[in-house]
Amino acid sequence: MANELRPCPCDIGDRSDYGGRGQEVQVEHVKAYICKPPASTDKAVIVIHDIFGWQLPNTRYITDMLTTNGYIAICPDFFVGQEAWKPSNDWATFDDWLKTRNASKIDKEVDVVLKYLSEQCGAKKIGVIGFCWGGAAVHHLMLKNPHLKTGVSLYGVIRFFEDSSSLLHPTFFIFAEKDEYISMEQVKQLEQKLKQNCKVHYEVKVYPGQTHGFVHRKREDINPQDKLYIEEGRKDMINWLNKYL
């Protein structure tokens, strides 16, 4: 790791005071935030939050952005009622906290959400995006879940996976060049494995000069120097979904 004293450099970033256009619903044992477009559609996207949880305004902003692009978008609480990480928490306890929230142990919740989207929302084509912890969860789902059509993993932690390359669906990986948590060496290794083993379309893209969390945790008005890449990352994500859903 880049910094053993602070094992995760997940700065909450420019916390937005965004209120959200959607609503909170209960889907069996899972709470979720959902937003639907005005016109009916059979396309949906599951949004997997980062360590700061499903109520982070920044993540709800991205969820609503998907809806403005024509998708039913849902951000479930994949911590299932357990507390999200707070910036005021002691980073020395982060590894222990993380052990109780495993990004590859979300299959039960995903099945519940898929059923809800299919039966209650009429969704037939469903993709998934995720940030940080959620990016790793997307990677897991692209390796394991046959019911999803595509995924976008944004700065998902690669070292969680022994088999990282046997993808079932087209997957887009977004990384930041200056990420303190995911080294460029890990990204290169992932690319090599994908090149050797992957049978479906994939893309790995590194955004110059960017840091962990740049697509959803940075605000363009506060970071004018990063605005181009923040917008490019969001546009690339939408274009990938448009292509495969």
Protein backbone atom coordinates (compact mmCIF):
# COMPACT_ATOMS: atom_id res chain seq x y z
CA MET A 1 0.00 0.00 0.00
CA ALA A 2 1.06 3.54 -0.61
CA ASN A 3 0.77 4.60 3.01
CA GLU A 4 0.70 2.04 5.80
CA LEU A 5 -0.26 4.61 8.46
CA ARG A 6 -3.32 5.55 6.49
CA PRO A 7 -4.29 2.43 4.58
CA CYS A 8 -7.00 4.15 2.54
CA PRO A 9 -6.51 7.67 1.17
CA CYS A 10 -10.25 8.00 0.50
CA ASP A 11 -10.71 11.67 1.12
CA ILE A 12 -14.45 12.39 0.95
CA GLY A 13 -13.61 15.15 -1.52
CA ASP A 14 -15.88 18.07 -2.31
CA ARG A 15 -19.01 16.96 -0.53
CA SER A 16 -22.00 18.15 -2.45
CA ASP A 17 -25.11 19.49 -0.74
CA TYR A 18 -27.17 17.98 -3.56
CA GLY A 19 -30.67 16.98 -2.48
CA GLY A 20 -31.60 14.42 -5.13
CA ARG A 21 -34.54 14.09 -7.52
CA GLY A 22 -35.42 10.50 -6.67
CA GLN A 23 -36.91 8.75 -3.68
CA GLU A 24 -35.91 6.19 -1.07
CA VAL A 25 -37.59 2.78 -1.25
CA GLN A 26 -37.43 -0.50 0.66
CA VAL A 27 -36.52 -3.47 -1.54
CA GLU A 28 -36.99 -6.55 0.67
CA HIS A 29 -34.16 -6.23 3.27
CA VAL A 30 -32.36 -3.44 1.39
CA LYS A 31 -32.99 0.31 1.43
CA ALA A 32 -32.33 2.04 -1.87
CA TYR A 33 -32.40 5.40 -3.61
CA ILE A 34 -34.13 5.25 -7.00
CA CYS A 35 -34.71 7.77 -9.76
CA LYS A 36 -36.78 7.15 -12.91
CA PRO A 37 -36.86 9.09 -16.19
CA PRO A 38 -40.12 10.71 -17.35
CA ALA A 39 -40.38 8.40 -20.38
CA SER A 40 -40.77 4.68 -19.73
CA THR A 41 -37.71 2.52 -20.42
CA ASP A 42 -36.62 -1.09 -20.00
CA LYS A 43 -33.01 -0.08 -19.28
CA ALA A 44 -31.69 0.25 -15.74
CA VAL A 45 -28.37 0.85 -13.99
CA ILE A 46 -27.43 -0.26 -10.48
CA VAL A 47 -25.10 2.25 -8.79
CA ILE A 48 -22.75 0.81 -6.16
CA HIS A 49 -21.58 3.37 -3.63
CA ASP A 50 -18.12 3.87 -2.17
CA ILE A 51 -17.08 3.49 1.49
CA PHE A 52 -19.06 6.64 2.36
CA GLY A 53 -22.33 4.83 1.70
CA TRP A 54 -25.53 5.06 -0.30
CA GLN A 55 -26.63 8.43 1.12
CA LEU A 56 -23.58 10.41 -0.04
CA PRO A 57 -25.02 13.33 -2.06
CA ASN A 58 -22.25 13.03 -4.67
CA THR A 59 -23.31 9.46 -5.48
CA ARG A 60 -26.97 10.46 -5.67
CA TYR A 61 -25.98 13.21 -8.09
CA ILE A 62 -24.42 10.59 -10.40
CA THR A 63 -27.49 8.35 -9.97
CA ASP A 64 -29.73 11.22 -11.10
CA MET A 65 -27.36 11.97 -13.97
CA LEU A 66 -27.96 8.44 -15.27
CA THR A 67 -31.69 9.13 -15.16
CA THR A 68 -31.29 12.34 -17.17
CA ASN A 69 -29.64 10.08 -19.76
CA GLY A 70 -32.74 7.88 -19.93
CA TYR A 71 -32.03 5.11 -17.41
CA ILE A 72 -33.87 3.90 -14.34
CA ALA A 73 -31.07 4.29 -11.78
CA ILE A 74 -30.96 2.71 -8.33
CA CYS A 75 -28.36 3.06 -5.57
CA PRO A 76 -28.99 0.39 -2.91
CA ASP A 77 -27.44 0.31 0.57
CA PHE A 78 -24.95 -2.48 0.05
CA PHE A 79 -23.80 -2.12 3.66
CA VAL A 80 -27.35 -3.24 4.59
CA GLY A 81 -27.77 -0.91 7.54
CA GLN A 82 -24.18 -1.07 8.77
CA GLU A 83 -22.63 2.37 9.16
CA ALA A 84 -20.81 3.92 6.25
CA TRP A 85 -17.26 5.15 6.81
CA LYS A 86 -17.03 8.67 8.19
CA PRO A 87 -14.12 11.04 7.45
CA SER A 88 -13.85 11.61 11.22
CA ASN A 89 -13.24 7.88 11.89
CA ASP A 90 -9.77 6.72 12.90
CA TRP A 91 -8.02 5.49 9.74
CA ALA A 92 -6.04 3.02 11.86
CA THR A 93 -9.30 1.05 12.26
CA PHE A 94 -10.11 1.07 8.53
CA ASP A 95 -8.89 -2.46 7.73
CA ASP A 96 -11.00 -3.95 10.53
CA TRP A 97 -14.01 -1.93 9.38
CA LEU A 98 -13.50 -3.14 5.81
CA LYS A 99 -13.45 -6.81 6.86
CA THR A 100 -17.13 -6.55 7.78
CA ARG A 101 -18.01 -5.01 4.42
CA ASN A 102 -16.75 -7.26 1.66
CA ALA A 103 -17.21 -5.94 -1.90
CA SER A 104 -17.46 -9.50 -3.22
CA LYS A 105 -20.22 -10.52 -0.78
CA ILE A 106 -23.08 -8.53 -2.29
CA ASP A 107 -24.69 -11.21 -4.46
CA LYS A 108 -27.77 -11.66 -2.28
CA GLU A 109 -28.51 -7.92 -2.35
CA VAL A 110 -27.86 -7.71 -6.11
CA ASP A 111 -30.33 -10.57 -6.75
CA VAL A 112 -32.99 -8.74 -4.71
CA VAL A 113 -32.42 -5.51 -6.65
CA LEU A 114 -32.42 -7.31 -10.04
CA LYS A 115 -35.76 -8.91 -9.16
CA TYR A 116 -37.19 -5.54 -8.12
CA LEU A 117 -35.99 -3.80 -11.31
CA SER A 118 -37.40 -6.57 -13.46
CA GLU A 119 -40.75 -7.09 -11.71
CA GLN A 120 -41.55 -3.60 -10.39
CA CYS A 121 -39.84 -1.35 -12.95
CA GLY A 122 -40.07 -3.41 -16.15
CA ALA A 123 -36.31 -3.45 -16.69
CA LYS A 124 -35.00 -5.98 -19.19
CA LYS A 125 -31.45 -4.69 -19.75
CA ILE A 126 -29.53 -3.95 -16.57
CA GLY A 127 -25.98 -2.67 -16.14
CA VAL A 128 -23.95 -1.67 -13.11
CA ILE A 129 -21.47 1.08 -12.20
CA GLY A 130 -19.52 1.52 -8.99
CA PHE A 131 -16.98 3.78 -7.33
CA CYS A 132 -13.94 2.78 -5.23
CA TRP A 133 -15.35 -0.02 -2.98
CA GLY A 134 -18.23 -0.15 -5.45
CA GLY A 135 -15.80 -0.34 -8.37
CA ALA A 136 -14.37 -3.52 -6.86
CA ALA A 137 -17.95 -4.80 -6.42
CA VAL A 138 -18.64 -4.16 -10.13
CA HIS A 139 -15.49 -6.09 -11.04
CA HIS A 140 -16.75 -9.01 -8.89
CA LEU A 141 -20.16 -8.94 -10.58
CA MET A 142 -18.65 -8.86 -14.06
CA LEU A 143 -16.78 -12.06 -13.14
CA LYS A 144 -19.75 -13.82 -11.52
CA ASN A 145 -23.24 -12.55 -12.35
CA PRO A 146 -24.82 -13.82 -15.60
CA HIS A 147 -27.85 -11.48 -15.46
CA LEU A 148 -26.12 -8.14 -15.96
CA LYS A 149 -25.35 -6.81 -19.43
CA THR A 150 -22.34 -4.58 -18.76
CA GLY A 151 -20.38 -2.75 -16.07
CA VAL A 152 -18.26 0.33 -15.43
CA SER A 153 -15.74 -0.01 -12.60
CA LEU A 154 -14.44 3.37 -11.45
CA TYR A 155 -11.16 3.13 -9.51
CA GLY A 156 -12.09 -0.28 -8.09
CA VAL A 157 -9.39 -1.92 -6.01
CA ILE A 158 -7.81 -4.63 -8.18
CA ARG A 159 -5.80 -6.38 -5.49
CA PHE A 160 -9.00 -7.91 -4.06
CA PHE A 161 -9.10 -10.40 -6.97
CA GLU A 162 -7.05 -13.47 -7.72
CA ASP A 163 -8.88 -14.06 -10.99
CA SER A 164 -9.45 -10.57 -12.37
CA SER A 165 -9.77 -11.31 -16.07
CA SER A 166 -12.46 -13.96 -16.79
CA LEU A 167 -15.13 -11.34 -17.43
CA LEU A 168 -18.63 -12.44 -18.48
CA HIS A 169 -19.73 -9.05 -19.86
CA PRO A 170 -18.24 -5.96 -21.55
CA THR A 171 -16.51 -3.95 -18.82
CA PHE A 172 -15.01 -0.48 -18.75
CA PHE A 173 -12.31 0.25 -16.15
CA ILE A 174 -11.63 3.87 -15.19
CA PHE A 175 -8.44 4.65 -13.26
CA ALA A 176 -6.68 7.80 -12.05
CA GLU A 177 -2.99 8.27 -12.87
CA LYS A 178 -2.16 9.71 -9.42
CA ASP A 179 -4.28 7.28 -7.39
CA GLU A 180 -2.60 6.70 -4.02
CA TYR A 181 -4.46 3.44 -3.51
CA ILE A 182 -4.25 1.75 -6.92
CA SER A 183 -0.78 1.81 -8.45
CA MET A 184 -0.18 2.04 -12.18
CA GLU A 185 1.73 -1.24 -11.83
CA GLN A 186 -1.51 -2.95 -10.69
CA VAL A 187 -3.36 -1.40 -13.63
CA LYS A 188 -0.70 -2.71 -16.06
CA GLN A 189 -0.96 -6.21 -14.57
CA LEU A 190 -4.74 -6.11 -14.94
CA GLU A 191 -4.39 -5.09 -18.60
CA GLN A 192 -1.94 -7.93 -19.26
CA LYS A 193 -4.27 -10.51 -17.70
CA LEU A 194 -7.26 -9.18 -19.64
CA LYS A 195 -5.27 -9.29 -22.87
CA GLN A 196 -4.33 -12.92 -22.24
CA ASN A 197 -7.63 -14.29 -20.91
CA CYS A 198 -10.61 -12.04 -21.53
CA LYS A 199 -13.15 -13.21 -24.11
CA VAL A 200 -15.46 -10.16 -24.03
CA HIS A 201 -14.93 -6.52 -24.93
CA TYR A 202 -13.20 -4.45 -22.26
CA GLU A 203 -11.43 -1.14 -21.99
CA VAL A 204 -8.97 0.19 -19.42
CA LYS A 205 -8.53 3.95 -19.38
CA VAL A 206 -6.21 6.02 -17.19
CA TYR A 207 -7.01 9.72 -16.77
CA PRO A 208 -3.85 11.89 -16.57
CA GLY A 209 -3.07 13.75 -13.37
CA GLN A 210 -6.24 12.59 -11.62
CA THR A 211 -6.56 11.24 -8.08
CA HIS A 212 -8.77 8.58 -6.50
CA GLY A 213 -12.45 9.51 -6.62
CA PHE A 214 -12.16 12.18 -9.32
CA VAL A 215 -15.31 11.28 -11.32
CA HIS A 216 -17.79 11.50 -8.47
CA ARG A 217 -16.06 13.19 -5.54
CA LYS A 218 -14.60 16.26 -7.24
CA ARG A 219 -16.71 19.27 -8.12
CA GLU A 220 -15.87 21.02 -11.37
CA ASP A 221 -16.44 24.48 -9.92
CA ILE A 222 -13.92 23.85 -7.11
CA ASN A 223 -11.37 22.04 -9.34
CA PRO A 224 -11.31 23.94 -12.66
CA GLN A 225 -7.98 22.30 -13.54
CA ASP A 226 -9.66 18.87 -13.37
CA LYS A 227 -12.97 19.83 -14.98
CA LEU A 228 -12.04 18.38 -18.37
CA TYR A 229 -11.25 14.94 -16.92
CA ILE A 230 -14.21 14.89 -14.51
CA GLU A 231 -16.54 15.57 -17.43
CA GLU A 232 -14.69 13.16 -19.73
CA GLY A 233 -14.93 10.34 -17.16
CA ARG A 234 -18.68 10.88 -16.77
CA LYS A 235 -19.22 11.09 -20.53
CA ASP A 236 -17.15 7.94 -21.15
CA MET A 237 -19.20 6.10 -18.51
CA ILE A 238 -22.51 7.14 -20.13
CA ASN A 239 -21.24 6.30 -23.64
CA TRP A 240 -20.23 2.81 -22.50
CA LEU A 241 -23.65 2.19 -20.97
CA ASN A 242 -25.37 3.54 -24.09
CA LYS A 243 -23.34 1.12 -26.21
CA TYR A 244 -24.16 -2.03 -24.25
CA LEU A 245 -27.63 -1.42 -22.78
